[in-house]
Amino acid sequence: MTAGVQPNNPLHGLTLEAIVVRLAEHHGWDGLARKIPLNCFKNDPSVKSSLTFLRKTPWAREQVERLYVLTFAPREARGDAKRKPH
């Protein structure tokens, strides 16, 4: 396997901008601010201001990426699929 290829990563091929846009469309800015209480989602939110903050703040970006996976990724990709009984 080639280094850097992540076929099972649900975020593979997505830009941070695409993640923020889809979450904002799905949850709305108010909903995003309730789920992840960041000023970039609370106070005059925009994609541009959110991207600026998230690119400089790894812990916040991780929270946004985690919310994206929990919201949109298939259960198998999240690693929480229930096991079938034997």
N, C-alpha and C. Protein backbone atom coordinates (compact mmCIF):
# COMPACT_ATOMS: atom_id res chain seq x y z
N MET A 1 0.84 -1.17 0.00
CA MET A 1 0.00 0.00 0.00
C MET A 1 0.89 1.24 0.00
N THR A 2 0.47 2.24 -0.73
CA THR A 2 1.23 3.47 -0.83
C THR A 2 1.07 4.29 0.44
N ALA A 3 2.18 4.85 0.90
CA ALA A 3 2.12 5.69 2.10
C ALA A 3 1.25 6.90 1.83
N GLY A 4 0.44 7.27 2.82
CA GLY A 4 -0.41 8.43 2.69
C GLY A 4 -1.80 8.14 2.16
N VAL A 5 -2.01 6.97 1.57
CA VAL A 5 -3.34 6.62 1.08
C VAL A 5 -4.16 6.09 2.24
N GLN A 6 -5.37 6.63 2.39
CA GLN A 6 -6.21 6.27 3.52
C GLN A 6 -7.60 5.88 3.02
N PRO A 7 -7.74 4.72 2.41
CA PRO A 7 -9.02 4.36 1.81
C PRO A 7 -10.16 4.21 2.81
N ASN A 8 -9.86 3.91 4.07
CA ASN A 8 -10.91 3.73 5.07
C ASN A 8 -11.16 4.98 5.91
N ASN A 9 -10.46 6.06 5.62
CA ASN A 9 -10.64 7.30 6.34
C ASN A 9 -11.86 8.02 5.76
N PRO A 10 -12.92 8.23 6.56
CA PRO A 10 -14.12 8.87 6.03
C PRO A 10 -13.91 10.33 5.62
N LEU A 11 -12.80 10.93 6.03
CA LEU A 11 -12.50 12.31 5.66
C LEU A 11 -11.58 12.40 4.46
N HIS A 12 -11.13 11.25 3.96
CA HIS A 12 -10.19 11.22 2.84
C HIS A 12 -10.79 11.94 1.63
N GLY A 13 -10.04 12.88 1.10
CA GLY A 13 -10.46 13.60 -0.09
C GLY A 13 -11.33 14.81 0.19
N LEU A 14 -11.68 15.05 1.44
CA LEU A 14 -12.50 16.21 1.79
C LEU A 14 -11.61 17.36 2.26
N THR A 15 -11.95 18.54 1.83
CA THR A 15 -11.26 19.72 2.34
C THR A 15 -11.94 20.17 3.63
N LEU A 16 -11.22 20.94 4.41
CA LEU A 16 -11.82 21.50 5.62
C LEU A 16 -13.00 22.39 5.25
N GLU A 17 -12.89 23.10 4.15
CA GLU A 17 -13.99 23.96 3.71
C GLU A 17 -15.24 23.14 3.40
N ALA A 18 -15.07 22.02 2.72
CA ALA A 18 -16.22 21.17 2.40
C ALA A 18 -16.87 20.63 3.67
N ILE A 19 -16.06 20.30 4.65
CA ILE A 19 -16.57 19.79 5.93
C ILE A 19 -17.39 20.86 6.63
N VAL A 20 -16.84 22.07 6.73
CA VAL A 20 -17.53 23.16 7.43
C VAL A 20 -18.83 23.52 6.70
N VAL A 21 -18.78 23.61 5.38
CA VAL A 21 -19.98 23.96 4.61
C VAL A 21 -21.07 22.93 4.82
N ARG A 22 -20.72 21.66 4.73
CA ARG A 22 -21.75 20.62 4.87
C ARG A 22 -22.33 20.60 6.28
N LEU A 23 -21.48 20.75 7.29
CA LEU A 23 -21.98 20.79 8.67
C LEU A 23 -22.88 22.00 8.89
N ALA A 24 -22.51 23.16 8.35
CA ALA A 24 -23.32 24.37 8.51
C ALA A 24 -24.65 24.22 7.79
N GLU A 25 -24.65 23.59 6.63
CA GLU A 25 -25.90 23.36 5.92
C GLU A 25 -26.79 22.38 6.68
N HIS A 26 -26.20 21.38 7.26
CA HIS A 26 -26.97 20.34 7.96
C HIS A 26 -27.48 20.81 9.31
N HIS A 27 -26.61 21.39 10.12
CA HIS A 27 -26.95 21.76 11.50
C HIS A 27 -27.37 23.22 11.64
N GLY A 28 -26.96 24.07 10.68
CA GLY A 28 -27.12 25.51 10.83
C GLY A 28 -26.02 26.02 11.77
N TRP A 29 -25.74 27.31 11.71
CA TRP A 29 -24.67 27.86 12.56
C TRP A 29 -25.03 27.74 14.03
N ASP A 30 -26.31 27.98 14.36
CA ASP A 30 -26.73 27.86 15.76
C ASP A 30 -26.57 26.43 16.27
N GLY A 31 -26.95 25.47 15.44
CA GLY A 31 -26.80 24.07 15.82
C GLY A 31 -25.34 23.67 15.97
N LEU A 32 -24.52 24.18 15.08
CA LEU A 32 -23.08 23.91 15.18
C LEU A 32 -22.52 24.49 16.47
N ALA A 33 -22.93 25.71 16.79
CA ALA A 33 -22.44 26.36 18.02
C ALA A 33 -22.90 25.61 19.26
N ARG A 34 -24.08 25.00 19.21
CA ARG A 34 -24.54 24.20 20.35
C ARG A 34 -23.74 22.91 20.48
N LYS A 35 -23.40 22.30 19.37
CA LYS A 35 -22.66 21.04 19.41
C LYS A 35 -21.18 21.24 19.70
N ILE A 36 -20.62 22.32 19.15
CA ILE A 36 -19.21 22.67 19.38
C ILE A 36 -19.17 24.16 19.69
N PRO A 37 -19.12 24.52 20.97
CA PRO A 37 -19.22 25.93 21.35
C PRO A 37 -17.95 26.74 21.06
N LEU A 38 -17.80 27.10 19.81
CA LEU A 38 -16.65 27.92 19.38
C LEU A 38 -17.16 29.29 18.95
N ASN A 39 -16.41 30.33 19.26
CA ASN A 39 -16.81 31.68 18.87
C ASN A 39 -16.98 31.82 17.36
N CYS A 40 -16.20 31.08 16.58
CA CYS A 40 -16.32 31.20 15.12
C CYS A 40 -17.66 30.66 14.62
N PHE A 41 -18.38 29.90 15.44
CA PHE A 41 -19.71 29.43 15.10
C PHE A 41 -20.79 30.27 15.78
N LYS A 42 -20.43 30.98 16.86
CA LYS A 42 -21.41 31.74 17.65
C LYS A 42 -21.55 33.18 17.20
N ASN A 43 -20.43 33.86 17.02
CA ASN A 43 -20.41 35.31 16.80
C ASN A 43 -20.17 35.63 15.33
N ASP A 44 -21.20 36.09 14.64
CA ASP A 44 -21.11 36.45 13.23
C ASP A 44 -20.41 35.36 12.42
N PRO A 45 -20.96 34.14 12.44
CA PRO A 45 -20.27 33.01 11.81
C PRO A 45 -20.24 33.11 10.28
N SER A 46 -19.15 32.62 9.73
CA SER A 46 -19.01 32.50 8.28
C SER A 46 -18.04 31.36 8.01
N VAL A 47 -18.09 30.87 6.81
CA VAL A 47 -17.15 29.81 6.43
C VAL A 47 -15.72 30.34 6.53
N LYS A 48 -15.50 31.55 6.03
CA LYS A 48 -14.15 32.12 6.02
C LYS A 48 -13.59 32.26 7.43
N SER A 49 -14.37 32.83 8.36
CA SER A 49 -13.85 33.02 9.72
C SER A 49 -13.63 31.67 10.41
N SER A 50 -14.52 30.73 10.13
CA SER A 50 -14.36 29.39 10.73
C SER A 50 -13.10 28.71 10.23
N LEU A 51 -12.86 28.80 8.93
CA LEU A 51 -11.66 28.18 8.36
C LEU A 51 -10.40 28.80 8.92
N THR A 52 -10.38 30.12 9.06
CA THR A 52 -9.21 30.80 9.62
C THR A 52 -8.91 30.28 11.01
N PHE A 53 -9.94 30.19 11.85
CA PHE A 53 -9.75 29.70 13.22
C PHE A 53 -9.36 28.23 13.25
N LEU A 54 -10.08 27.40 12.52
CA LEU A 54 -9.84 25.96 12.57
C LEU A 54 -8.47 25.57 12.03
N ARG A 55 -7.97 26.30 11.05
CA ARG A 55 -6.64 26.00 10.51
C ARG A 55 -5.53 26.31 11.51
N LYS A 56 -5.80 27.23 12.44
CA LYS A 56 -4.80 27.61 13.45
C LYS A 56 -4.98 26.86 14.76
N THR A 57 -6.07 26.10 14.89
CA THR A 57 -6.41 25.50 16.18
C THR A 57 -6.69 24.01 16.01
N PRO A 58 -5.65 23.18 16.09
CA PRO A 58 -5.82 21.74 15.83
C PRO A 58 -6.89 21.05 16.68
N TRP A 59 -7.00 21.40 17.97
CA TRP A 59 -7.98 20.72 18.82
C TRP A 59 -9.41 21.03 18.37
N ALA A 60 -9.64 22.25 17.89
CA ALA A 60 -10.98 22.61 17.41
C ALA A 60 -11.26 21.92 16.08
N ARG A 61 -10.26 21.86 15.22
CA ARG A 61 -10.44 21.16 13.93
C ARG A 61 -10.77 19.70 14.17
N GLU A 62 -10.12 19.07 15.13
CA GLU A 62 -10.42 17.67 15.45
C GLU A 62 -11.86 17.50 15.88
N GLN A 63 -12.38 18.44 16.66
CA GLN A 63 -13.78 18.35 17.10
C GLN A 63 -14.73 18.47 15.91
N VAL A 64 -14.42 19.37 14.99
CA VAL A 64 -15.25 19.55 13.81
C VAL A 64 -15.20 18.30 12.93
N GLU A 65 -14.02 17.75 12.74
CA GLU A 65 -13.88 16.53 11.93
C GLU A 65 -14.62 15.37 12.59
N ARG A 66 -14.56 15.27 13.91
CA ARG A 66 -15.25 14.21 14.64
C ARG A 66 -16.77 14.35 14.46
N LEU A 67 -17.27 15.57 14.56
CA LEU A 67 -18.70 15.80 14.37
C LEU A 67 -19.11 15.42 12.95
N TYR A 68 -18.29 15.74 11.98
CA TYR A 68 -18.59 15.39 10.58
C TYR A 68 -18.71 13.87 10.44
N VAL A 69 -17.76 13.16 10.99
CA VAL A 69 -17.78 11.70 10.90
C VAL A 69 -19.02 11.14 11.59
N LEU A 70 -19.31 11.63 12.78
CA LEU A 70 -20.48 11.15 13.51
C LEU A 70 -21.78 11.48 12.79
N THR A 71 -21.80 12.57 12.07
CA THR A 71 -23.01 13.01 11.38
C THR A 71 -23.20 12.32 10.04
N PHE A 72 -22.13 12.15 9.28
CA PHE A 72 -22.29 11.73 7.89
C PHE A 72 -21.65 10.39 7.50
N ALA A 73 -20.65 9.94 8.24
CA ALA A 73 -19.93 8.74 7.82
C ALA A 73 -20.77 7.49 8.09
N PRO A 74 -20.65 6.48 7.25
CA PRO A 74 -21.32 5.21 7.53
C PRO A 74 -20.82 4.63 8.85
N ARG A 75 -21.66 3.88 9.51
CA ARG A 75 -21.31 3.31 10.82
C ARG A 75 -20.01 2.51 10.77
N GLU A 76 -19.79 1.77 9.69
CA GLU A 76 -18.58 0.95 9.60
C GLU A 76 -17.33 1.83 9.60
N ALA A 77 -17.39 2.96 8.92
CA ALA A 77 -16.24 3.85 8.85
C ALA A 77 -15.96 4.51 10.19
N ARG A 78 -17.02 4.68 11.02
CA ARG A 78 -16.83 5.27 12.34
C ARG A 78 -16.28 4.25 13.32
N GLY A 79 -16.37 2.97 12.98
CA GLY A 79 -15.86 1.94 13.87
C GLY A 79 -16.82 1.58 14.98
N ASP A 80 -18.11 1.96 14.85
CA ASP A 80 -19.05 1.63 15.90
C ASP A 80 -20.17 0.70 15.43
N ALA A 81 -19.93 0.00 14.34
CA ALA A 81 -20.93 -0.96 13.86
C ALA A 81 -21.07 -2.09 14.88
N LYS A 82 -22.30 -2.49 15.10
CA LYS A 82 -22.52 -3.59 16.06
C LYS A 82 -22.04 -4.89 15.46
N ARG A 83 -21.44 -5.68 16.30
CA ARG A 83 -20.97 -6.99 15.85
C ARG A 83 -22.14 -7.94 15.71
N LYS A 84 -22.05 -8.80 14.74
CA LYS A 84 -23.09 -9.81 14.57
C LYS A 84 -22.87 -10.91 15.59
N PRO A 85 -23.94 -11.45 16.14
CA PRO A 85 -23.77 -12.55 17.11
C PRO A 85 -23.21 -13.78 16.40
N HIS A 86 -22.45 -14.55 17.14
CA HIS A 86 -21.84 -15.77 16.56
C HIS A 86 -22.85 -16.84 16.36
